[in-house]
N, C-alpha and C. Protein backbone atom coordinates (compact mmCIF):
# COMPACT_ATOMS: atom_id res chain seq x y z
N MET A 1 0.84 -1.17 0.00
CA MET A 1 0.00 0.00 0.00
C MET A 1 0.89 1.24 0.00
N ILE A 2 0.52 2.21 -0.82
CA ILE A 2 1.28 3.45 -0.94
C ILE A 2 0.47 4.57 -0.30
N ARG A 3 1.12 5.40 0.51
CA ARG A 3 0.48 6.59 1.09
C ARG A 3 1.19 7.81 0.54
N LEU A 4 0.43 8.78 0.07
CA LEU A 4 1.04 10.00 -0.46
C LEU A 4 0.10 11.17 -0.28
N ASN A 5 0.67 12.38 -0.35
CA ASN A 5 -0.17 13.56 -0.18
C ASN A 5 -0.78 13.97 -1.51
N ILE A 6 -1.74 14.87 -1.45
CA ILE A 6 -2.50 15.26 -2.64
C ILE A 6 -1.59 15.85 -3.70
N HIS A 7 -0.65 16.69 -3.30
CA HIS A 7 0.25 17.31 -4.27
C HIS A 7 1.03 16.25 -5.05
N GLU A 8 1.56 15.26 -4.35
CA GLU A 8 2.30 14.18 -4.99
C GLU A 8 1.40 13.39 -5.93
N ALA A 9 0.15 13.15 -5.51
CA ALA A 9 -0.80 12.40 -6.34
C ALA A 9 -1.11 13.18 -7.62
N LYS A 10 -1.31 14.49 -7.51
CA LYS A 10 -1.60 15.31 -8.68
C LYS A 10 -0.41 15.38 -9.62
N THR A 11 0.77 15.51 -9.05
CA THR A 11 1.98 15.66 -9.86
C THR A 11 2.30 14.40 -10.66
N HIS A 12 2.11 13.24 -10.07
CA HIS A 12 2.49 11.98 -10.71
C HIS A 12 1.30 11.03 -10.83
N PHE A 13 0.12 11.58 -11.15
CA PHE A 13 -1.11 10.78 -11.17
C PHE A 13 -1.00 9.56 -12.08
N SER A 14 -0.54 9.75 -13.31
CA SER A 14 -0.50 8.63 -14.25
C SER A 14 0.45 7.53 -13.76
N ARG A 15 1.52 7.91 -13.09
CA ARG A 15 2.46 6.92 -12.53
C ARG A 15 1.76 6.05 -11.49
N TYR A 16 0.96 6.67 -10.63
CA TYR A 16 0.27 5.91 -9.58
C TYR A 16 -0.89 5.09 -10.15
N ILE A 17 -1.54 5.59 -11.19
CA ILE A 17 -2.59 4.81 -11.83
C ILE A 17 -2.01 3.54 -12.44
N GLU A 18 -0.83 3.63 -13.02
CA GLU A 18 -0.17 2.43 -13.55
C GLU A 18 0.07 1.40 -12.45
N ARG A 19 0.47 1.86 -11.28
CA ARG A 19 0.71 0.95 -10.17
C ARG A 19 -0.60 0.34 -9.68
N VAL A 20 -1.67 1.13 -9.68
CA VAL A 20 -2.98 0.62 -9.29
C VAL A 20 -3.43 -0.46 -10.27
N GLU A 21 -3.19 -0.22 -11.56
CA GLU A 21 -3.56 -1.21 -12.58
C GLU A 21 -2.83 -2.53 -12.37
N LYS A 22 -1.66 -2.47 -11.74
CA LYS A 22 -0.89 -3.69 -11.47
C LYS A 22 -1.31 -4.36 -10.17
N GLY A 23 -2.29 -3.75 -9.45
CA GLY A 23 -2.83 -4.39 -8.26
C GLY A 23 -2.54 -3.68 -6.95
N GLU A 24 -1.77 -2.61 -6.95
CA GLU A 24 -1.46 -1.91 -5.70
C GLU A 24 -2.60 -0.98 -5.29
N THR A 25 -2.63 -0.62 -4.03
CA THR A 25 -3.60 0.33 -3.50
C THR A 25 -2.86 1.59 -3.10
N VAL A 26 -3.44 2.74 -3.43
CA VAL A 26 -2.84 4.03 -3.12
C VAL A 26 -3.79 4.79 -2.19
N ILE A 27 -3.27 5.24 -1.05
CA ILE A 27 -4.03 6.06 -0.11
C ILE A 27 -3.58 7.51 -0.30
N VAL A 28 -4.53 8.39 -0.58
CA VAL A 28 -4.23 9.81 -0.77
C VAL A 28 -4.58 10.53 0.53
N CYS A 29 -3.63 11.34 1.02
CA CYS A 29 -3.80 12.02 2.31
C CYS A 29 -3.79 13.53 2.15
N ARG A 30 -4.51 14.19 3.05
CA ARG A 30 -4.44 15.66 3.18
C ARG A 30 -3.99 15.92 4.60
N HIS A 31 -2.84 16.59 4.74
CA HIS A 31 -2.24 16.86 6.05
C HIS A 31 -2.07 15.56 6.84
N ASN A 32 -1.57 14.52 6.15
CA ASN A 32 -1.29 13.20 6.73
C ASN A 32 -2.54 12.46 7.22
N ARG A 33 -3.73 12.90 6.79
CA ARG A 33 -4.96 12.19 7.13
C ARG A 33 -5.54 11.59 5.86
N PRO A 34 -5.79 10.29 5.81
CA PRO A 34 -6.32 9.67 4.60
C PRO A 34 -7.67 10.25 4.20
N VAL A 35 -7.80 10.58 2.91
CA VAL A 35 -9.06 11.12 2.39
C VAL A 35 -9.59 10.32 1.21
N ALA A 36 -8.75 9.53 0.56
CA ALA A 36 -9.20 8.77 -0.60
C ALA A 36 -8.34 7.53 -0.79
N GLU A 37 -8.93 6.56 -1.44
CA GLU A 37 -8.22 5.32 -1.73
C GLU A 37 -8.37 5.00 -3.21
N LEU A 38 -7.27 4.76 -3.88
CA LEU A 38 -7.28 4.31 -5.27
C LEU A 38 -6.93 2.84 -5.27
N ARG A 39 -7.82 2.03 -5.84
CA ARG A 39 -7.57 0.59 -5.87
C ARG A 39 -8.11 0.04 -7.17
N PRO A 40 -7.59 -1.09 -7.61
CA PRO A 40 -8.07 -1.65 -8.87
C PRO A 40 -9.49 -2.16 -8.74
N LEU A 41 -10.24 -2.06 -9.81
CA LEU A 41 -11.60 -2.58 -9.83
C LEU A 41 -11.57 -4.09 -10.02
N PRO A 42 -12.53 -4.80 -9.44
CA PRO A 42 -12.56 -6.25 -9.63
C PRO A 42 -12.91 -6.62 -11.07
N GLY A 43 -12.51 -7.81 -11.45
CA GLY A 43 -12.82 -8.29 -12.81
C GLY A 43 -12.06 -7.56 -13.87
N GLY A 44 -10.78 -7.40 -13.69
CA GLY A 44 -9.97 -6.60 -14.59
C GLY A 44 -9.69 -7.18 -15.95
N SER A 45 -10.01 -8.44 -16.20
CA SER A 45 -9.68 -8.99 -17.51
C SER A 45 -10.75 -8.60 -18.52
N HIS A 46 -10.33 -7.92 -19.55
CA HIS A 46 -11.23 -7.48 -20.60
C HIS A 46 -10.88 -8.24 -21.87
N LYS A 47 -11.79 -9.08 -22.29
CA LYS A 47 -11.58 -9.81 -23.53
C LYS A 47 -12.19 -9.01 -24.67
N SER A 48 -11.50 -8.97 -25.79
CA SER A 48 -12.07 -8.27 -26.93
C SER A 48 -13.20 -9.12 -27.51
N ARG A 49 -14.23 -8.44 -27.93
CA ARG A 49 -15.39 -9.15 -28.48
C ARG A 49 -15.23 -9.28 -29.98
N SER A 50 -15.59 -10.43 -30.49
CA SER A 50 -15.50 -10.64 -31.93
C SER A 50 -16.79 -10.18 -32.60
N LEU A 51 -16.66 -9.79 -33.86
CA LEU A 51 -17.83 -9.33 -34.61
C LEU A 51 -18.72 -10.51 -34.97
N GLY A 52 -20.01 -10.28 -34.98
CA GLY A 52 -20.96 -11.27 -35.44
C GLY A 52 -21.35 -12.32 -34.42
N ILE A 53 -21.11 -12.08 -33.11
CA ILE A 53 -21.42 -13.10 -32.12
C ILE A 53 -22.92 -13.30 -31.94
N ASP A 54 -23.74 -12.31 -32.36
CA ASP A 54 -25.19 -12.44 -32.24
C ASP A 54 -25.85 -12.74 -33.59
N ARG A 55 -25.05 -13.13 -34.55
CA ARG A 55 -25.59 -13.43 -35.88
C ARG A 55 -26.68 -14.50 -35.78
N GLY A 56 -27.82 -14.21 -36.39
CA GLY A 56 -28.93 -15.15 -36.41
C GLY A 56 -29.82 -15.11 -35.18
N LYS A 57 -29.51 -14.28 -34.20
CA LYS A 57 -30.31 -14.23 -32.97
C LYS A 57 -31.47 -13.25 -33.08
N PHE A 58 -31.43 -12.34 -34.06
CA PHE A 58 -32.54 -11.41 -34.27
C PHE A 58 -32.55 -11.00 -35.74
N ALA A 59 -33.66 -10.44 -36.15
CA ALA A 59 -33.81 -10.01 -37.53
C ALA A 59 -34.23 -8.55 -37.57
N VAL A 60 -33.75 -7.84 -38.57
CA VAL A 60 -34.13 -6.45 -38.79
C VAL A 60 -35.17 -6.44 -39.89
N GLY A 61 -36.35 -5.91 -39.57
CA GLY A 61 -37.44 -5.90 -40.54
C GLY A 61 -37.22 -4.88 -41.64
N LYS A 62 -38.00 -5.01 -42.73
CA LYS A 62 -37.88 -4.10 -43.87
C LYS A 62 -38.24 -2.67 -43.50
N ALA A 63 -39.12 -2.49 -42.53
CA ALA A 63 -39.55 -1.15 -42.12
C ALA A 63 -38.38 -0.34 -41.55
N PHE A 64 -37.38 -1.00 -41.06
CA PHE A 64 -36.21 -0.32 -40.50
C PHE A 64 -35.52 0.54 -41.56
N PHE A 65 -35.54 0.10 -42.79
CA PHE A 65 -34.82 0.77 -43.86
C PHE A 65 -35.64 1.82 -44.59
N LYS A 66 -36.92 1.97 -44.23
CA LYS A 66 -37.76 2.98 -44.86
C LYS A 66 -37.38 4.36 -44.34
N PRO A 67 -37.58 5.41 -45.15
CA PRO A 67 -37.28 6.77 -44.69
C PRO A 67 -38.12 7.15 -43.46
N LEU A 68 -37.57 7.96 -42.61
CA LEU A 68 -38.30 8.43 -41.43
C LEU A 68 -39.35 9.45 -41.84
N PRO A 69 -40.42 9.56 -41.04
CA PRO A 69 -41.45 10.57 -41.33
C PRO A 69 -40.86 11.99 -41.25
N LYS A 70 -41.42 12.90 -42.06
CA LYS A 70 -40.89 14.27 -42.14
C LYS A 70 -40.95 14.99 -40.80
N ASP A 71 -42.01 14.77 -40.01
CA ASP A 71 -42.12 15.45 -38.72
C ASP A 71 -41.04 14.97 -37.75
N LEU A 72 -40.68 13.70 -37.83
CA LEU A 72 -39.62 13.19 -36.96
C LEU A 72 -38.26 13.75 -37.38
N LEU A 73 -38.00 13.81 -38.68
CA LEU A 73 -36.75 14.38 -39.17
C LEU A 73 -36.64 15.86 -38.78
N ALA A 74 -37.76 16.58 -38.85
CA ALA A 74 -37.76 17.99 -38.45
C ALA A 74 -37.41 18.13 -36.97
N GLY A 75 -37.90 17.23 -36.15
CA GLY A 75 -37.57 17.25 -34.72
C GLY A 75 -36.09 17.04 -34.46
N PHE A 76 -35.46 16.18 -35.24
CA PHE A 76 -34.01 15.97 -35.10
C PHE A 76 -33.23 17.22 -35.47
N ARG A 77 -33.76 17.98 -36.40
CA ARG A 77 -33.08 19.21 -36.82
C ARG A 77 -33.41 20.40 -35.92
N GLY A 78 -34.31 20.19 -34.95
CA GLY A 78 -34.70 21.27 -34.05
C GLY A 78 -35.78 22.16 -34.65
N GLU A 79 -36.40 21.70 -35.71
CA GLU A 79 -37.48 22.47 -36.35
C GLU A 79 -38.82 22.03 -35.81
N LYS A 80 -39.80 22.88 -35.94
CA LYS A 80 -41.16 22.51 -35.54
C LYS A 80 -41.83 21.82 -36.71
N PRO A 81 -42.54 20.73 -36.48
CA PRO A 81 -43.19 20.01 -37.59
C PRO A 81 -44.32 20.77 -38.22
């Protein structure tokens, strides 16, 4: 566990975040009194998702590709229908 003051944390923030990512805990103090704790979040493994994993699980109907109504398009542009 690392203890440091706010000035040190601000000055070298990215350095301490790297250490937190590696599993360390950082205690940030103001006038030697702990005020915050930086620690890694649980479940840190992020697997990249492959494209097409939901292929065949749903269908997009033909109505999806039809033009939107003029009043709805006007609303997107901030115009009054």
